[in-house]
Amino acid sequence: MHDMHHSERFLACRTCLRLQRIMPDLAAMDDDTPFAERHAGHRLEPLTRVGDAFLSDKPVWDPMATTYFEVTNGNEVLMVRSGRRSVEDPVERTLVPGRLRLDHVTVEFETELIRRALDAHFFPHAVRPAKIEQFLATLAALCRDVNPDRLEIVFDSAEDPQVQYARLPEHLWAQLMVRCEAIFDEWERERLRNFFEAARADDGLLCLRLTRAFVVDAA
């Protein structure tokens, strides 16, 4: 997950607890020299981002989001708070006490998107709302049988680093098809065939949404 984050490197001042991100592709700008000069005589050390733990109080595209992640010097793991005081100010990264802890994991389908997509798929015909709700309840029941650690991740959310999307396991797909026979009439299942083929794709509506919620464990 987020492999690019694992290569993120920082120069840290352990005296002031401030960090500056090291950008190899911008080496010619000598971004790190001003930081090193500002902290001359202090204890400086390189740190590398580690693990997938991440917490944000707003969507990551929001310039005012405050985020937390973890870095290491090879001997210890440290937590970083990253944010800015105003949209005009630069991002400030600070070492803070504590660790990020995985609080819980949820597995679910994008229910509202699926409901709207089914309505559009059957238009101009209509399927009784009770059948749609029964289908969605079946999806929710399937989620309860999922082991998050055994899911095959197909892509990450572009907006929330805590969210990934996973392929629906074959045995759950087979169960869904069996249960659909008890929900939908034959003509409805025929219409659903194309819907299911598209929805089963790696970026389809029947991907599972996997959310790992982290919290800050203060030291």
Protein backbone atom coordinates (compact mmCIF):
# COMPACT_ATOMS: atom_id res chain seq x y z
CA MET A 1 0.00 0.00 0.00
CA HIS A 2 1.29 3.45 -0.96
CA ASP A 3 4.76 2.17 -1.91
CA MET A 4 5.80 5.63 -2.97
CA HIS A 5 5.46 6.78 0.64
CA HIS A 6 8.02 4.24 1.77
CA SER A 7 10.73 6.05 -0.23
CA GLU A 8 9.96 9.46 1.28
CA ARG A 9 13.01 10.81 3.07
CA PHE A 10 13.35 13.67 5.52
CA LEU A 11 16.05 15.63 7.28
CA ALA A 12 15.08 16.07 10.94
CA CYS A 13 16.29 18.35 13.66
CA ARG A 14 15.98 16.33 16.86
CA THR A 15 16.67 19.51 18.84
CA CYS A 16 13.77 21.55 17.42
CA LEU A 17 11.69 18.51 16.36
CA ARG A 18 11.22 19.95 12.86
CA LEU A 19 11.52 18.04 9.57
CA GLN A 20 12.17 18.96 5.97
CA ARG A 21 11.30 16.63 3.15
CA ILE A 22 14.21 15.65 0.90
CA MET A 23 13.30 15.89 -2.79
CA PRO A 24 15.93 14.05 -4.90
CA ASP A 25 14.45 15.31 -8.16
CA LEU A 26 14.88 18.89 -6.95
CA ALA A 27 18.46 18.49 -5.76
CA ALA A 28 19.62 21.33 -7.97
CA MET A 29 17.49 23.73 -5.93
CA ASP A 30 19.47 22.68 -2.83
CA ASP A 31 16.29 22.63 -0.76
CA ASP A 32 17.98 21.06 2.25
CA THR A 33 20.77 23.64 2.66
CA PRO A 34 18.61 26.40 4.19
CA PHE A 35 17.13 23.90 6.66
CA ALA A 36 20.58 22.66 7.65
CA GLU A 37 21.81 26.23 8.01
CA ARG A 38 18.83 27.24 10.14
CA HIS A 39 19.54 24.31 12.45
CA ALA A 40 23.34 24.57 12.45
CA GLY A 41 24.80 23.14 15.62
CA HIS A 42 21.68 21.10 16.32
CA ARG A 43 21.31 17.32 16.18
CA LEU A 44 20.33 16.52 12.58
CA GLU A 45 19.55 13.06 11.25
CA PRO A 46 17.93 11.54 8.15
CA LEU A 47 14.56 9.81 8.56
CA THR A 48 12.57 7.62 6.18
CA ARG A 49 8.83 7.13 6.09
CA VAL A 50 7.83 3.69 7.29
CA GLY A 51 4.65 1.61 7.29
CA ASP A 52 1.15 2.41 6.06
CA ALA A 53 -0.20 4.09 9.19
CA PHE A 54 -1.77 7.42 8.26
CA LEU A 55 -4.32 9.78 9.79
CA SER A 56 -5.84 12.93 8.34
CA ASP A 57 -8.49 15.27 9.74
CA LYS A 58 -9.59 16.32 6.23
CA PRO A 59 -9.42 14.94 2.68
CA VAL A 60 -5.77 14.81 1.64
CA TRP A 61 -6.34 17.26 -1.20
CA ASP A 62 -7.45 19.93 1.31
CA PRO A 63 -4.49 22.31 1.79
CA MET A 64 -5.50 22.77 5.44
CA ALA A 65 -5.48 19.05 6.26
CA THR A 66 -3.45 18.03 9.30
CA THR A 67 -1.95 14.60 8.82
CA TYR A 68 0.03 12.13 10.89
CA PHE A 69 2.42 9.44 9.67
CA GLU A 70 5.45 7.55 10.92
CA VAL A 71 9.17 7.70 10.12
CA THR A 72 12.23 5.82 11.27
CA ASN A 73 15.96 6.35 11.70
CA GLY A 74 16.53 2.61 11.61
CA ASN A 75 16.46 2.22 15.37
CA GLU A 76 13.18 3.80 16.46
CA VAL A 77 9.82 4.72 14.94
CA LEU A 78 8.63 8.30 15.37
CA MET A 79 5.36 10.07 14.61
CA VAL A 80 5.13 13.19 12.46
CA ARG A 81 2.40 15.83 12.41
CA SER A 82 2.18 17.70 9.11
CA GLY A 83 0.06 20.78 8.44
CA ARG A 84 0.01 24.51 7.83
CA ARG A 85 -1.28 27.44 9.85
CA SER A 86 -2.98 29.07 6.85
CA VAL A 87 -3.26 28.43 3.12
CA GLU A 88 -0.52 31.01 2.54
CA ASP A 89 1.92 29.33 4.92
CA PRO A 90 4.23 26.44 4.00
CA VAL A 91 3.68 22.94 5.35
CA GLU A 92 5.27 22.40 8.75
CA ARG A 93 6.33 18.90 9.78
CA THR A 94 6.96 18.26 13.45
CA LEU A 95 7.98 15.22 15.46
CA VAL A 96 5.33 14.61 18.13
CA PRO A 97 5.10 12.05 20.96
CA GLY A 98 3.17 8.82 20.42
CA ARG A 99 2.44 6.28 17.74
CA LEU A 100 -0.34 5.59 15.27
CA ARG A 101 -2.46 2.60 16.23
CA LEU A 102 -4.86 0.67 14.01
CA ASP A 103 -8.24 1.15 15.70
CA HIS A 104 -10.48 -0.87 13.41
CA VAL A 105 -10.95 -2.13 9.86
CA THR A 106 -14.23 -1.96 7.96
CA VAL A 107 -15.13 -3.82 4.79
CA GLU A 108 -18.15 -2.67 2.80
CA PHE A 109 -19.56 -2.06 -0.65
CA GLU A 110 -20.27 1.37 -2.13
CA THR A 111 -23.97 0.89 -1.44
CA GLU A 112 -25.32 4.20 -2.69
CA LEU A 113 -23.34 4.01 -5.93
CA ILE A 114 -24.59 0.48 -6.54
CA ARG A 115 -28.21 1.49 -5.87
CA ARG A 116 -28.02 4.35 -8.37
CA ALA A 117 -26.22 2.21 -10.93
CA LEU A 118 -28.89 -0.50 -10.74
CA ASP A 119 -31.65 2.08 -11.25
CA ALA A 120 -29.85 3.42 -14.31
CA HIS A 121 -29.12 -0.07 -15.65
CA PHE A 122 -32.78 -1.14 -15.63
CA PHE A 123 -34.15 2.16 -16.99
CA PRO A 124 -36.71 2.58 -18.57
CA HIS A 125 -37.87 -0.56 -16.78
CA ALA A 126 -37.99 -0.71 -13.02
CA VAL A 127 -37.21 -3.29 -10.40
CA ARG A 128 -39.20 -3.22 -7.20
CA PRO A 129 -37.27 -1.23 -4.56
CA ALA A 130 -37.70 -4.12 -2.12
CA LYS A 131 -35.62 -6.32 -4.44
CA ILE A 132 -32.86 -3.73 -4.67
CA GLU A 133 -32.79 -3.40 -0.89
CA GLN A 134 -32.69 -7.18 -0.53
CA PHE A 135 -29.75 -7.30 -2.92
CA LEU A 136 -27.92 -4.59 -0.96
CA ALA A 137 -28.63 -6.42 2.29
CA THR A 138 -27.12 -9.53 0.72
CA LEU A 139 -23.97 -7.56 -0.11
CA ALA A 140 -23.78 -6.32 3.47
CA ALA A 141 -24.13 -9.89 4.75
CA LEU A 142 -21.29 -11.05 2.49
CA CYS A 143 -19.02 -8.39 3.99
CA ARG A 144 -19.39 -9.98 7.40
CA ASP A 145 -17.66 -13.11 6.11
CA VAL A 146 -14.61 -11.27 4.81
CA ASN A 147 -11.14 -11.52 6.35
CA PRO A 148 -9.55 -8.13 5.49
CA ASP A 149 -6.04 -9.58 5.64
CA ARG A 150 -6.80 -12.03 2.83
CA LEU A 151 -8.25 -9.54 0.36
CA GLU A 152 -6.50 -8.82 -2.93
CA ILE A 153 -6.06 -5.05 -3.16
CA VAL A 154 -6.55 -3.65 -6.67
CA PHE A 155 -6.24 0.11 -6.13
CA ASP A 156 -6.01 2.85 -3.50
CA SER A 157 -8.44 5.68 -2.96
CA ALA A 158 -7.28 8.93 -4.53
CA GLU A 159 -8.86 10.96 -1.72
CA ASP A 160 -8.33 8.94 1.44
CA PRO A 161 -5.04 7.11 2.09
CA GLN A 162 -6.82 4.95 4.67
CA VAL A 163 -9.10 3.50 1.98
CA GLN A 164 -8.29 0.74 -0.51
CA TYR A 165 -10.43 -1.26 -2.90
CA ALA A 166 -10.21 -5.02 -3.14
CA ARG A 167 -11.40 -7.67 -5.56
CA LEU A 168 -14.45 -9.65 -4.41
CA PRO A 169 -13.16 -13.15 -3.57
CA GLU A 170 -14.32 -15.95 -5.86
CA HIS A 171 -16.19 -17.86 -3.15
CA LEU A 172 -18.18 -14.74 -2.21
CA TRP A 173 -18.90 -14.04 -5.86
CA ALA A 174 -20.32 -17.56 -6.20
CA GLN A 175 -22.46 -17.04 -3.10
CA LEU A 176 -23.78 -13.75 -4.49
CA MET A 177 -24.84 -15.38 -7.76
CA VAL A 178 -26.72 -18.11 -5.88
CA ARG A 179 -28.51 -15.61 -3.67
CA CYS A 180 -29.48 -13.48 -6.67
CA GLU A 181 -31.50 -16.41 -7.99
CA ALA A 182 -33.76 -16.09 -4.96
CA ILE A 183 -34.07 -12.31 -5.30
CA PHE A 184 -34.51 -11.57 -9.00
CA ASP A 185 -36.75 -13.02 -11.68
CA GLU A 186 -35.24 -14.65 -14.73
CA TRP A 187 -35.62 -11.60 -16.96
CA GLU A 188 -34.03 -9.43 -14.26
CA ARG A 189 -31.08 -11.78 -13.92
CA GLU A 190 -30.62 -11.69 -17.68
CA ARG A 191 -30.50 -7.90 -17.58
CA LEU A 192 -28.10 -8.05 -14.67
CA ARG A 193 -25.59 -10.22 -16.49
CA ASN A 194 -23.88 -7.29 -18.26
CA PHE A 195 -24.08 -5.22 -15.10
CA PHE A 196 -22.30 -7.89 -13.11
CA GLU A 197 -19.60 -8.36 -15.74
CA ALA A 198 -18.72 -4.66 -15.61
CA ALA A 199 -19.15 -4.38 -11.85
CA ARG A 200 -16.80 -7.30 -11.24
CA ALA A 201 -13.87 -5.58 -12.98
CA ASP A 202 -10.92 -4.37 -10.91
CA ASP A 203 -12.35 -0.85 -10.89
CA GLY A 204 -15.99 -1.98 -10.84
CA LEU A 205 -18.80 -1.25 -8.43
CA LEU A 206 -18.57 -4.64 -6.77
CA CYS A 207 -15.10 -4.02 -5.43
CA LEU A 208 -14.92 -4.08 -1.66
CA ARG A 209 -14.08 -0.84 0.12
CA LEU A 210 -11.50 -1.50 2.83
CA THR A 211 -10.97 1.24 5.42
CA ARG A 212 -8.19 1.08 7.99
CA ALA A 213 -8.89 3.63 10.73
CA PHE A 214 -5.87 4.76 12.72
CA VAL A 215 -5.85 6.77 15.93
CA VAL A 216 -3.07 8.55 17.79
CA ASP A 217 -1.75 6.75 20.84
CA ALA A 218 -0.13 9.47 22.90
CA ALA A 219 3.12 8.51 24.58
